[in-house]
Amino acid sequence: MANRKTSAQSGENPVEAPVADVGAKNAPAAVEYTIEELTAGAKTVFPGVSPDCVTAALRLAGVTKTTKERAKEIVDKFVNAPVAGPKKGGN
């Protein structure tokens, strides 16, 4: 009861403060997956992309653990990167 009076006296609504705290605590943390986990689920997470491409993209980016969303960005960038053609006049 003393806490409510103190909160009310300071101009803070005593009902809103705990709700804000609970909301911050219940915010879902982003789940991170290893390269191995993402490669194993490549067919469902990255449709049309081979598991080898997923592994190569993540290793090239220097990633060991990441979220699915970030992994999709990395893999899409890797798969859609332009490929240089052969050099002319070289052996």
N, C-alpha and C. Protein backbone atom coordinates (compact mmCIF):
# COMPACT_ATOMS: atom_id res chain seq x y z
N MET A 1 0.82 -1.17 0.00
CA MET A 1 0.00 0.00 0.00
C MET A 1 0.87 1.25 0.00
N ALA A 2 1.99 1.21 0.75
CA ALA A 2 2.89 2.36 0.81
C ALA A 2 3.50 2.63 -0.57
N ASN A 3 3.76 1.57 -1.33
CA ASN A 3 4.32 1.75 -2.66
C ASN A 3 3.36 2.49 -3.58
N ARG A 4 2.08 2.20 -3.46
CA ARG A 4 1.10 2.86 -4.32
C ARG A 4 1.03 4.34 -3.99
N LYS A 5 1.07 4.69 -2.72
CA LYS A 5 1.02 6.10 -2.35
C LYS A 5 2.26 6.82 -2.86
N THR A 6 3.42 6.19 -2.72
CA THR A 6 4.66 6.80 -3.18
C THR A 6 4.62 7.00 -4.68
N SER A 7 4.15 5.98 -5.42
CA SER A 7 4.07 6.09 -6.87
C SER A 7 3.08 7.16 -7.29
N ALA A 8 1.93 7.18 -6.63
CA ALA A 8 0.90 8.16 -6.97
C ALA A 8 1.38 9.57 -6.65
N GLN A 9 2.15 9.71 -5.56
CA GLN A 9 2.64 11.02 -5.19
C GLN A 9 3.67 11.52 -6.20
N SER A 10 4.45 10.63 -6.79
CA SER A 10 5.47 11.04 -7.75
C SER A 10 4.88 11.33 -9.12
N GLY A 11 3.56 11.11 -9.28
CA GLY A 11 2.91 11.40 -10.55
C GLY A 11 2.88 10.21 -11.48
N GLU A 12 3.39 9.09 -11.05
CA GLU A 12 3.42 7.88 -11.87
C GLU A 12 2.19 7.04 -11.58
N ASN A 13 1.57 6.52 -12.59
CA ASN A 13 0.41 5.67 -12.40
C ASN A 13 0.90 4.31 -11.93
N PRO A 14 0.47 3.85 -10.75
CA PRO A 14 0.98 2.58 -10.20
C PRO A 14 0.57 1.37 -11.03
N VAL A 15 -0.48 1.47 -11.82
CA VAL A 15 -0.93 0.34 -12.63
C VAL A 15 -0.07 0.21 -13.88
N GLU A 16 0.35 1.32 -14.47
CA GLU A 16 1.10 1.27 -15.72
C GLU A 16 2.53 0.79 -15.54
N ALA A 17 3.17 1.11 -14.44
CA ALA A 17 4.58 0.74 -14.24
C ALA A 17 4.80 -0.77 -14.28
N PRO A 18 4.02 -1.57 -13.51
CA PRO A 18 4.24 -3.02 -13.58
C PRO A 18 3.92 -3.59 -14.96
N VAL A 19 2.94 -3.06 -15.65
CA VAL A 19 2.61 -3.57 -16.98
C VAL A 19 3.77 -3.34 -17.93
N ALA A 20 4.40 -2.18 -17.86
CA ALA A 20 5.55 -1.89 -18.71
C ALA A 20 6.70 -2.83 -18.40
N ASP A 21 6.94 -3.11 -17.12
CA ASP A 21 8.01 -4.01 -16.73
C ASP A 21 7.74 -5.42 -17.23
N VAL A 22 6.51 -5.87 -17.10
CA VAL A 22 6.16 -7.22 -17.54
C VAL A 22 6.32 -7.33 -19.05
N GLY A 23 5.92 -6.30 -19.78
CA GLY A 23 6.05 -6.32 -21.23
C GLY A 23 7.49 -6.43 -21.67
N ALA A 24 8.39 -5.75 -20.96
CA ALA A 24 9.81 -5.80 -21.31
C ALA A 24 10.39 -7.18 -21.01
N LYS A 25 9.93 -7.79 -19.94
CA LYS A 25 10.46 -9.11 -19.57
C LYS A 25 9.93 -10.20 -20.48
N ASN A 26 8.73 -10.03 -21.01
CA ASN A 26 8.12 -11.06 -21.85
C ASN A 26 8.43 -10.89 -23.33
N ALA A 27 9.22 -9.88 -23.68
CA ALA A 27 9.58 -9.70 -25.08
C ALA A 27 10.37 -10.91 -25.55
N PRO A 28 9.97 -11.53 -26.67
CA PRO A 28 10.68 -12.72 -27.12
C PRO A 28 12.10 -12.39 -27.59
N ALA A 29 13.03 -13.18 -27.13
CA ALA A 29 14.42 -13.02 -27.55
C ALA A 29 14.59 -13.66 -28.92
N ALA A 30 15.40 -13.06 -29.75
CA ALA A 30 15.65 -13.61 -31.07
C ALA A 30 16.44 -14.91 -30.91
N VAL A 31 15.94 -15.96 -31.52
CA VAL A 31 16.58 -17.27 -31.43
C VAL A 31 17.69 -17.32 -32.46
N GLU A 32 18.87 -17.72 -32.01
CA GLU A 32 20.01 -17.86 -32.91
C GLU A 32 20.29 -19.33 -33.17
N TYR A 33 20.66 -19.62 -34.41
CA TYR A 33 20.96 -20.98 -34.83
C TYR A 33 22.40 -21.07 -35.32
N THR A 34 22.99 -22.25 -35.18
CA THR A 34 24.36 -22.47 -35.68
C THR A 34 24.30 -22.73 -37.18
N ILE A 35 25.47 -22.68 -37.80
CA ILE A 35 25.55 -22.99 -39.24
C ILE A 35 25.03 -24.40 -39.49
N GLU A 36 25.37 -25.33 -38.63
CA GLU A 36 24.95 -26.71 -38.81
C GLU A 36 23.44 -26.85 -38.76
N GLU A 37 22.79 -26.14 -37.83
CA GLU A 37 21.33 -26.20 -37.72
C GLU A 37 20.66 -25.60 -38.94
N LEU A 38 21.18 -24.47 -39.40
CA LEU A 38 20.61 -23.83 -40.59
C LEU A 38 20.83 -24.67 -41.84
N THR A 39 21.98 -25.32 -41.93
CA THR A 39 22.26 -26.18 -43.08
C THR A 39 21.35 -27.40 -43.07
N ALA A 40 21.12 -27.96 -41.88
CA ALA A 40 20.26 -29.14 -41.77
C ALA A 40 18.82 -28.80 -42.18
N GLY A 41 18.38 -27.59 -41.91
CA GLY A 41 17.03 -27.19 -42.27
C GLY A 41 16.97 -26.36 -43.53
N ALA A 42 17.99 -26.45 -44.36
CA ALA A 42 18.08 -25.61 -45.56
C ALA A 42 16.90 -25.77 -46.49
N LYS A 43 16.39 -26.98 -46.65
CA LYS A 43 15.29 -27.22 -47.60
C LYS A 43 14.01 -26.50 -47.17
N THR A 44 13.80 -26.33 -45.87
CA THR A 44 12.59 -25.65 -45.41
C THR A 44 12.81 -24.16 -45.19
N VAL A 45 13.99 -23.79 -44.71
CA VAL A 45 14.27 -22.38 -44.41
C VAL A 45 14.63 -21.61 -45.67
N PHE A 46 15.37 -22.25 -46.57
CA PHE A 46 15.83 -21.61 -47.81
C PHE A 46 15.39 -22.45 -49.01
N PRO A 47 14.12 -22.41 -49.38
CA PRO A 47 13.64 -23.25 -50.49
C PRO A 47 14.39 -22.95 -51.79
N GLY A 48 14.83 -24.01 -52.45
CA GLY A 48 15.52 -23.86 -53.72
C GLY A 48 17.01 -23.61 -53.59
N VAL A 49 17.53 -23.57 -52.37
CA VAL A 49 18.96 -23.33 -52.15
C VAL A 49 19.55 -24.60 -51.54
N SER A 50 20.67 -25.04 -52.09
CA SER A 50 21.28 -26.26 -51.59
C SER A 50 21.93 -26.01 -50.23
N PRO A 51 21.99 -27.04 -49.40
CA PRO A 51 22.64 -26.91 -48.09
C PRO A 51 24.09 -26.44 -48.20
N ASP A 52 24.79 -26.87 -49.28
CA ASP A 52 26.17 -26.44 -49.47
C ASP A 52 26.27 -24.93 -49.67
N CYS A 53 25.32 -24.35 -50.38
CA CYS A 53 25.30 -22.90 -50.59
C CYS A 53 25.05 -22.17 -49.28
N VAL A 54 24.18 -22.72 -48.45
CA VAL A 54 23.90 -22.11 -47.14
C VAL A 54 25.16 -22.10 -46.30
N THR A 55 25.85 -23.23 -46.25
CA THR A 55 27.09 -23.32 -45.48
C THR A 55 28.13 -22.34 -46.01
N ALA A 56 28.31 -22.31 -47.32
CA ALA A 56 29.31 -21.42 -47.93
C ALA A 56 28.98 -19.96 -47.66
N ALA A 57 27.72 -19.58 -47.79
CA ALA A 57 27.32 -18.19 -47.58
C ALA A 57 27.59 -17.74 -46.15
N LEU A 58 27.21 -18.57 -45.19
CA LEU A 58 27.38 -18.20 -43.78
C LEU A 58 28.85 -18.19 -43.38
N ARG A 59 29.62 -19.14 -43.88
CA ARG A 59 31.05 -19.15 -43.56
C ARG A 59 31.77 -17.97 -44.19
N LEU A 60 31.42 -17.64 -45.42
CA LEU A 60 32.03 -16.51 -46.09
C LEU A 60 31.71 -15.20 -45.35
N ALA A 61 30.52 -15.12 -44.76
CA ALA A 61 30.12 -13.94 -44.00
C ALA A 61 30.74 -13.92 -42.61
N GLY A 62 31.40 -15.01 -42.22
CA GLY A 62 32.04 -15.06 -40.91
C GLY A 62 31.06 -15.28 -39.76
N VAL A 63 29.93 -15.89 -40.07
CA VAL A 63 28.88 -16.11 -39.09
C VAL A 63 29.03 -17.50 -38.47
N THR A 64 28.89 -17.58 -37.15
CA THR A 64 28.86 -18.88 -36.49
C THR A 64 27.47 -19.16 -35.93
N LYS A 65 26.77 -18.12 -35.46
CA LYS A 65 25.39 -18.22 -34.97
C LYS A 65 24.65 -16.98 -35.44
N THR A 66 23.40 -17.18 -35.87
CA THR A 66 22.59 -16.04 -36.32
C THR A 66 21.11 -16.40 -36.29
N THR A 67 20.27 -15.41 -36.48
CA THR A 67 18.83 -15.63 -36.56
C THR A 67 18.46 -16.09 -37.96
N LYS A 68 17.27 -16.65 -38.11
CA LYS A 68 16.82 -17.08 -39.43
C LYS A 68 16.72 -15.90 -40.39
N GLU A 69 16.22 -14.79 -39.88
CA GLU A 69 16.04 -13.61 -40.73
C GLU A 69 17.37 -13.12 -41.27
N ARG A 70 18.36 -13.01 -40.41
CA ARG A 70 19.69 -12.55 -40.83
C ARG A 70 20.33 -13.57 -41.78
N ALA A 71 20.15 -14.86 -41.48
CA ALA A 71 20.70 -15.91 -42.35
C ALA A 71 20.07 -15.82 -43.74
N LYS A 72 18.76 -15.55 -43.81
CA LYS A 72 18.10 -15.42 -45.12
C LYS A 72 18.70 -14.27 -45.91
N GLU A 73 18.98 -13.14 -45.23
CA GLU A 73 19.59 -12.00 -45.90
C GLU A 73 20.96 -12.37 -46.46
N ILE A 74 21.76 -13.06 -45.66
CA ILE A 74 23.12 -13.45 -46.07
C ILE A 74 23.07 -14.41 -47.24
N VAL A 75 22.21 -15.42 -47.15
CA VAL A 75 22.11 -16.44 -48.20
C VAL A 75 21.57 -15.82 -49.49
N ASP A 76 20.55 -14.97 -49.38
CA ASP A 76 20.01 -14.32 -50.58
C ASP A 76 21.07 -13.48 -51.28
N LYS A 77 21.84 -12.74 -50.51
CA LYS A 77 22.91 -11.91 -51.09
C LYS A 77 23.95 -12.80 -51.79
N PHE A 78 24.29 -13.91 -51.15
CA PHE A 78 25.28 -14.84 -51.70
C PHE A 78 24.78 -15.47 -53.01
N VAL A 79 23.54 -15.95 -52.99
CA VAL A 79 22.98 -16.65 -54.14
C VAL A 79 22.76 -15.69 -55.31
N ASN A 80 22.40 -14.45 -55.01
CA ASN A 80 22.09 -13.49 -56.08
C ASN A 80 23.29 -12.63 -56.48
N ALA A 81 24.46 -12.92 -55.95
CA ALA A 81 25.67 -12.16 -56.31
C ALA A 81 26.04 -12.42 -57.77
N PRO A 82 26.46 -11.40 -58.47
CA PRO A 82 26.87 -11.61 -59.88
C PRO A 82 28.13 -12.48 -59.95
N VAL A 83 28.18 -13.27 -60.98
CA VAL A 83 29.33 -14.15 -61.19
C VAL A 83 30.16 -13.59 -62.33
N ALA A 84 31.45 -13.43 -62.11
CA ALA A 84 32.35 -12.90 -63.14
C ALA A 84 32.61 -13.98 -64.18
N GLY A 85 32.65 -13.57 -65.43
CA GLY A 85 32.94 -14.50 -66.52
C GLY A 85 34.42 -14.75 -66.65
N PRO A 86 34.82 -15.64 -67.54
CA PRO A 86 36.25 -15.94 -67.72
C PRO A 86 36.98 -14.73 -68.30
N LYS A 87 38.25 -14.62 -67.94
CA LYS A 87 39.08 -13.53 -68.46
C LYS A 87 39.47 -13.83 -69.89
N LYS A 88 39.52 -12.81 -70.70
CA LYS A 88 39.88 -12.97 -72.11
C LYS A 88 41.39 -12.89 -72.28
N GLY A 89 41.92 -13.72 -73.14
CA GLY A 89 43.32 -13.68 -73.50
C GLY A 89 44.29 -14.27 -72.47
N GLY A 90 43.79 -14.89 -71.44
CA GLY A 90 44.67 -15.47 -70.42
C GLY A 90 44.80 -16.96 -70.57
N ASN A 91 45.86 -17.51 -70.01
CA ASN A 91 46.04 -18.98 -70.02
C ASN A 91 45.72 -19.54 -68.70
